[in-house]
Protein backbone atom coordinates (compact mmCIF):
# COMPACT_ATOMS: atom_id res chain seq x y z
CA UNK A 1 0.00 0.00 0.00
CA UNK A 2 1.35 3.40 -0.92
CA UNK A 3 1.37 6.36 1.47
CA UNK A 4 -1.14 8.16 -0.78
CA UNK A 5 -3.56 5.19 -0.65
CA UNK A 6 -3.20 4.96 3.13
CA UNK A 7 -3.90 8.68 3.53
CA UNK A 8 -7.00 8.41 1.33
CA UNK A 9 -8.33 5.52 3.44
CA UNK A 10 -7.66 7.42 6.67
CA UNK A 11 -9.36 10.53 5.27
CA UNK A 12 -12.35 8.44 4.16
CA UNK A 13 -12.63 6.79 7.58
CA UNK A 14 -12.36 10.13 9.38
CA UNK A 15 -14.95 11.67 7.06
CA UNK A 16 -17.38 8.80 7.65
CA UNK A 17 -16.85 9.04 11.41
CA UNK A 18 -17.43 12.81 11.37
CA UNK A 19 -20.61 12.39 9.30
CA UNK A 20 -21.95 9.74 11.69
CA UNK A 21 -21.19 11.98 14.66
CA UNK A 22 -22.95 14.93 13.02
CA UNK A 23 -26.05 12.85 12.31
CA UNK A 24 -26.13 11.55 15.89
CA UNK A 25 -25.62 15.03 17.31
CA UNK A 26 -28.29 16.53 15.05
CA UNK A 27 -30.85 13.89 16.03
CA UNK A 28 -30.09 14.22 19.73
CA UNK A 29 -30.25 18.01 19.69
CA UNK A 30 -33.47 17.99 17.67
CA UNK A 31 -35.11 15.86 20.35
CA UNK A 32 -33.84 18.28 23.00
CA UNK A 33 -35.65 21.23 21.43
CA UNK A 34 -39.07 19.54 21.41
CA UNK A 35 -41.51 20.45 24.16
CA UNK A 36 -43.48 17.49 25.50
CA UNK A 37 -46.92 18.69 26.54
CA UNK A 38 -48.62 15.39 27.46
CA UNK A 39 -47.05 11.96 27.87
CA UNK A 40 -49.39 9.36 29.29
CA UNK A 41 -50.57 5.89 28.28
CA UNK A 42 -52.79 6.26 25.23
CA UNK A 43 -51.99 9.91 24.49
CA UNK A 44 -48.85 11.82 23.53
CA UNK A 45 -48.66 15.49 22.53
CA UNK A 46 -45.59 17.58 21.81
CA UNK A 47 -44.46 20.73 20.04
CA UNK A 48 -41.41 20.78 17.79
CA UNK A 49 -38.96 23.68 17.76
CA UNK A 50 -40.73 24.97 14.61
CA UNK A 51 -43.78 25.57 16.86
CA UNK A 52 -45.91 22.85 15.23
CA UNK A 53 -47.94 20.49 17.43
CA UNK A 54 -47.96 16.72 16.94
CA UNK A 55 -50.18 14.29 18.83
CA UNK A 56 -51.09 10.63 18.94
CA UNK A 57 -53.82 8.54 20.52
CA UNK A 58 -53.25 4.82 20.92
CA UNK A 59 -55.31 1.85 22.02
CA UNK A 60 -54.61 -1.82 21.40
CA UNK A 61 -56.91 -1.57 18.35
CA UNK A 62 -56.35 1.90 16.88
CA UNK A 63 -53.65 4.54 16.47
CA UNK A 64 -54.09 8.06 15.16
CA UNK A 65 -51.14 10.43 14.72
CA UNK A 66 -51.73 14.01 13.63
CA UNK A 67 -49.81 17.16 12.78
CA UNK A 68 -51.26 20.55 13.66
CA UNK A 69 -51.66 23.28 11.08
CA UNK A 70 -49.89 25.73 13.38
CA UNK A 71 -46.19 26.52 13.33
CA UNK A 72 -43.64 26.38 10.53
CA UNK A 73 -42.89 22.65 10.10
CA UNK A 74 -43.11 21.61 6.48
CA UNK A 75 -42.65 17.88 7.11
CA UNK A 76 -45.14 15.10 7.70
CA UNK A 77 -46.33 13.28 10.78
CA UNK A 78 -44.78 9.78 10.91
CA UNK A 79 -46.27 6.70 12.63
CA UNK A 80 -44.93 3.18 13.14
CA UNK A 81 -46.83 0.43 14.94
CA UNK A 82 -45.73 -2.59 16.91
CA UNK A 83 -48.02 -5.63 17.14
CA UNK A 84 -46.40 -8.99 16.57
CA UNK A 85 -43.42 -7.06 15.10
CA UNK A 86 -42.59 -3.53 13.98
CA UNK A 87 -44.50 -2.39 10.90
CA UNK A 88 -43.27 0.03 8.27
CA UNK A 89 -43.29 3.79 8.82
CA UNK A 90 -46.38 5.53 7.44
CA UNK A 91 -46.57 9.30 6.97
CA UNK A 92 -48.87 12.03 5.77
CA UNK A 93 -49.00 15.82 5.75
CA UNK A 94 -51.85 15.90 8.30
CA UNK A 95 -52.67 12.51 9.88
CA UNK A 96 -52.15 8.76 9.81
CA UNK A 97 -54.55 6.12 11.18
CA UNK A 98 -53.84 2.43 11.67
CA UNK A 99 -56.15 -0.27 13.04
CA UNK A 100 -55.60 -3.72 14.50
CA UNK A 101 -58.88 -5.69 14.48
CA UNK A 102 -57.35 -8.29 16.81
CA UNK A 103 -56.10 -5.65 19.26
CA UNK A 104 -52.39 -6.43 18.94
CA UNK A 105 -50.88 -2.95 19.22
CA UNK A 106 -48.36 -2.97 22.08
CA UNK A 107 -46.65 0.34 21.31
CA UNK A 108 -46.10 2.89 18.58
CA UNK A 109 -43.63 5.53 17.46
CA UNK A 110 -44.45 9.08 16.41
CA UNK A 111 -42.11 11.64 14.92
CA UNK A 112 -42.41 14.97 13.15
CA UNK A 113 -40.10 14.38 10.19
CA UNK A 114 -38.17 11.58 8.54
CA UNK A 115 -34.96 12.32 10.47
CA UNK A 116 -36.55 13.58 13.71
CA UNK A 117 -36.46 11.89 17.10
CA UNK A 118 -39.20 9.24 17.49
CA UNK A 119 -41.23 9.04 20.70
CA UNK A 120 -42.59 5.73 22.02
CA UNK A 121 -46.23 5.67 23.06
CA UNK A 122 -48.01 2.82 24.86
CA UNK A 123 -51.74 2.06 24.66
CA UNK A 124 -54.08 3.52 27.22
C-alpha atoms as a PDB file:
ATOM      1  CA  UNK A   1       0.000   0.000   0.000  1.00  0.00           C
ATOM      2  CA  UNK A   2       1.351   3.402  -0.916  1.00  0.00           C
ATOM      3  CA  UNK A   3       1.365   6.364   1.467  1.00  0.00           C
ATOM      4  CA  UNK A   4      -1.145   8.160  -0.777  1.00  0.00           C
ATOM      5  CA  UNK A   5      -3.561   5.194  -0.650  1.00  0.00           C
ATOM      6  CA  UNK A   6      -3.197   4.956   3.127  1.00  0.00           C
ATOM      7  CA  UNK A   7      -3.899   8.679   3.529  1.00  0.00           C
ATOM      8  CA  UNK A   8      -6.997   8.409   1.327  1.00  0.00           C
ATOM      9  CA  UNK A   9      -8.325   5.519   3.443  1.00  0.00           C
ATOM     10  CA  UNK A  10      -7.661   7.421   6.674  1.00  0.00           C
ATOM     11  CA  UNK A  11      -9.358  10.531   5.269  1.00  0.00           C
ATOM     12  CA  UNK A  12     -12.348   8.440   4.155  1.00  0.00           C
ATOM     13  CA  UNK A  13     -12.627   6.785   7.575  1.00  0.00           C
ATOM     14  CA  UNK A  14     -12.362  10.127   9.383  1.00  0.00           C
ATOM     15  CA  UNK A  15     -14.950  11.671   7.056  1.00  0.00           C
ATOM     16  CA  UNK A  16     -17.381   8.801   7.648  1.00  0.00           C
ATOM     17  CA  UNK A  17     -16.849   9.041  11.411  1.00  0.00           C
ATOM     18  CA  UNK A  18     -17.429  12.807  11.371  1.00  0.00           C
ATOM     19  CA  UNK A  19     -20.608  12.387   9.300  1.00  0.00           C
ATOM     20  CA  UNK A  20     -21.951   9.742  11.689  1.00  0.00           C
ATOM     21  CA  UNK A  21     -21.189  11.981  14.665  1.00  0.00           C
ATOM     22  CA  UNK A  22     -22.949  14.929  13.019  1.00  0.00           C
ATOM     23  CA  UNK A  23     -26.048  12.848  12.310  1.00  0.00           C
ATOM     24  CA  UNK A  24     -26.127  11.553  15.889  1.00  0.00           C
ATOM     25  CA  UNK A  25     -25.615  15.027  17.308  1.00  0.00           C
ATOM     26  CA  UNK A  26     -28.287  16.531  15.052  1.00  0.00           C
ATOM     27  CA  UNK A  27     -30.846  13.886  16.025  1.00  0.00           C
ATOM     28  CA  UNK A  28     -30.087  14.221  19.726  1.00  0.00           C
ATOM     29  CA  UNK A  29     -30.245  18.015  19.690  1.00  0.00           C
ATOM     30  CA  UNK A  30     -33.471  17.993  17.669  1.00  0.00           C
ATOM     31  CA  UNK A  31     -35.111  15.860  20.350  1.00  0.00           C
ATOM     32  CA  UNK A  32     -33.842  18.279  23.005  1.00  0.00           C
ATOM     33  CA  UNK A  33     -35.654  21.231  21.427  1.00  0.00           C
ATOM     34  CA  UNK A  34     -39.072  19.539  21.407  1.00  0.00           C
ATOM     35  CA  UNK A  35     -41.506  20.449  24.164  1.00  0.00           C
ATOM     36  CA  UNK A  36     -43.478  17.486  25.499  1.00  0.00           C
ATOM     37  CA  UNK A  37     -46.917  18.691  26.540  1.00  0.00           C
ATOM     38  CA  UNK A  38     -48.625  15.394  27.460  1.00  0.00           C
ATOM     39  CA  UNK A  39     -47.046  11.961  27.867  1.00  0.00           C
ATOM     40  CA  UNK A  40     -49.386   9.361  29.291  1.00  0.00           C
ATOM     41  CA  UNK A  41     -50.573   5.887  28.277  1.00  0.00           C
ATOM     42  CA  UNK A  42     -52.791   6.258  25.233  1.00  0.00           C
ATOM     43  CA  UNK A  43     -51.990   9.908  24.488  1.00  0.00           C
ATOM     44  CA  UNK A  44     -48.851  11.824  23.531  1.00  0.00           C
ATOM     45  CA  UNK A  45     -48.662  15.491  22.528  1.00  0.00           C
ATOM     46  CA  UNK A  46     -45.588  17.583  21.808  1.00  0.00           C
ATOM     47  CA  UNK A  47     -44.458  20.733  20.045  1.00  0.00           C
ATOM     48  CA  UNK A  48     -41.407  20.777  17.790  1.00  0.00           C
ATOM     49  CA  UNK A  49     -38.963  23.680  17.756  1.00  0.00           C
ATOM     50  CA  UNK A  50     -40.727  24.965  14.612  1.00  0.00           C
ATOM     51  CA  UNK A  51     -43.780  25.567  16.856  1.00  0.00           C
ATOM     52  CA  UNK A  52     -45.913  22.846  15.229  1.00  0.00           C
ATOM     53  CA  UNK A  53     -47.942  20.491  17.429  1.00  0.00           C
ATOM     54  CA  UNK A  54     -47.955  16.715  16.945  1.00  0.00           C
ATOM     55  CA  UNK A  55     -50.182  14.290  18.831  1.00  0.00           C
ATOM     56  CA  UNK A  56     -51.091  10.631  18.938  1.00  0.00           C
ATOM     57  CA  UNK A  57     -53.818   8.541  20.521  1.00  0.00           C
ATOM     58  CA  UNK A  58     -53.249   4.821  20.917  1.00  0.00           C
ATOM     59  CA  UNK A  59     -55.312   1.853  22.017  1.00  0.00           C
ATOM     60  CA  UNK A  60     -54.610  -1.818  21.397  1.00  0.00           C
ATOM     61  CA  UNK A  61     -56.910  -1.573  18.351  1.00  0.00           C
ATOM     62  CA  UNK A  62     -56.353   1.899  16.883  1.00  0.00           C
ATOM     63  CA  UNK A  63     -53.651   4.541  16.471  1.00  0.00           C
ATOM     64  CA  UNK A  64     -54.092   8.062  15.156  1.00  0.00           C
ATOM     65  CA  UNK A  65     -51.140  10.430  14.722  1.00  0.00           C
ATOM     66  CA  UNK A  66     -51.729  14.014  13.626  1.00  0.00           C
ATOM     67  CA  UNK A  67     -49.813  17.158  12.781  1.00  0.00           C
ATOM     68  CA  UNK A  68     -51.264  20.551  13.663  1.00  0.00           C
ATOM     69  CA  UNK A  69     -51.658  23.275  11.078  1.00  0.00           C
ATOM     70  CA  UNK A  70     -49.889  25.725  13.375  1.00  0.00           C
ATOM     71  CA  UNK A  71     -46.187  26.524  13.325  1.00  0.00           C
ATOM     72  CA  UNK A  72     -43.641  26.378  10.526  1.00  0.00           C
ATOM     73  CA  UNK A  73     -42.888  22.651  10.101  1.00  0.00           C
ATOM     74  CA  UNK A  74     -43.112  21.611   6.475  1.00  0.00           C
ATOM     75  CA  UNK A  75     -42.646  17.879   7.112  1.00  0.00           C
ATOM     76  CA  UNK A  76     -45.140  15.101   7.702  1.00  0.00           C
ATOM     77  CA  UNK A  77     -46.327  13.275  10.776  1.00  0.00           C
ATOM     78  CA  UNK A  78     -44.785   9.775  10.914  1.00  0.00           C
ATOM     79  CA  UNK A  79     -46.270   6.699  12.630  1.00  0.00           C
ATOM     80  CA  UNK A  80     -44.931   3.182  13.141  1.00  0.00           C
ATOM     81  CA  UNK A  81     -46.831   0.435  14.936  1.00  0.00           C
ATOM     82  CA  UNK A  82     -45.730  -2.593  16.907  1.00  0.00           C
ATOM     83  CA  UNK A  83     -48.020  -5.625  17.143  1.00  0.00           C
ATOM     84  CA  UNK A  84     -46.401  -8.991  16.570  1.00  0.00           C
ATOM     85  CA  UNK A  85     -43.423  -7.061  15.100  1.00  0.00           C
ATOM     86  CA  UNK A  86     -42.592  -3.532  13.975  1.00  0.00           C
ATOM     87  CA  UNK A  87     -44.498  -2.391  10.902  1.00  0.00           C
ATOM     88  CA  UNK A  88     -43.266   0.034   8.270  1.00  0.00           C
ATOM     89  CA  UNK A  89     -43.294   3.786   8.825  1.00  0.00           C
ATOM     90  CA  UNK A  90     -46.384   5.533   7.441  1.00  0.00           C
ATOM     91  CA  UNK A  91     -46.567   9.304   6.970  1.00  0.00           C
ATOM     92  CA  UNK A  92     -48.868  12.033   5.767  1.00  0.00           C
ATOM     93  CA  UNK A  93     -48.999  15.822   5.748  1.00  0.00           C
ATOM     94  CA  UNK A  94     -51.854  15.897   8.298  1.00  0.00           C
ATOM     95  CA  UNK A  95     -52.672  12.507   9.883  1.00  0.00           C
ATOM     96  CA  UNK A  96     -52.149   8.759   9.812  1.00  0.00           C
ATOM     97  CA  UNK A  97     -54.551   6.124  11.179  1.00  0.00           C
ATOM     98  CA  UNK A  98     -53.844   2.431  11.670  1.00  0.00           C
ATOM     99  CA  UNK A  99     -56.155  -0.266  13.036  1.00  0.00           C
ATOM    100  CA  UNK A 100     -55.605  -3.723  14.497  1.00  0.00           C
ATOM    101  CA  UNK A 101     -58.881  -5.692  14.479  1.00  0.00           C
ATOM    102  CA  UNK A 102     -57.348  -8.288  16.809  1.00  0.00           C
ATOM    103  CA  UNK A 103     -56.098  -5.648  19.257  1.00  0.00           C
ATOM    104  CA  UNK A 104     -52.392  -6.428  18.937  1.00  0.00           C
ATOM    105  CA  UNK A 105     -50.877  -2.949  19.220  1.00  0.00           C
ATOM    106  CA  UNK A 106     -48.363  -2.971  22.079  1.00  0.00           C
ATOM    107  CA  UNK A 107     -46.654   0.344  21.314  1.00  0.00           C
ATOM    108  CA  UNK A 108     -46.104   2.888  18.578  1.00  0.00           C
ATOM    109  CA  UNK A 109     -43.626   5.527  17.463  1.00  0.00           C
ATOM    110  CA  UNK A 110     -44.455   9.079  16.415  1.00  0.00           C
ATOM    111  CA  UNK A 111     -42.109  11.638  14.922  1.00  0.00           C
ATOM    112  CA  UNK A 112     -42.408  14.966  13.154  1.00  0.00           C
ATOM    113  CA  UNK A 113     -40.099  14.383  10.192  1.00  0.00           C
ATOM    114  CA  UNK A 114     -38.170  11.578   8.545  1.00  0.00           C
ATOM    115  CA  UNK A 115     -34.964  12.319  10.467  1.00  0.00           C
ATOM    116  CA  UNK A 116     -36.548  13.578  13.712  1.00  0.00           C
ATOM    117  CA  UNK A 117     -36.457  11.895  17.103  1.00  0.00           C
ATOM    118  CA  UNK A 118     -39.201   9.244  17.485  1.00  0.00           C
ATOM    119  CA  UNK A 119     -41.225   9.039  20.702  1.00  0.00           C
ATOM    120  CA  UNK A 120     -42.586   5.731  22.020  1.00  0.00           C
ATOM    121  CA  UNK A 121     -46.233   5.667  23.056  1.00  0.00           C
ATOM    122  CA  UNK A 122     -48.010   2.817  24.858  1.00  0.00           C
ATOM    123  CA  UNK A 123     -51.738   2.059  24.657  1.00  0.00           C
ATOM    124  CA  UNK A 124     -54.082   3.516  27.222  1.00  0.00           C
END
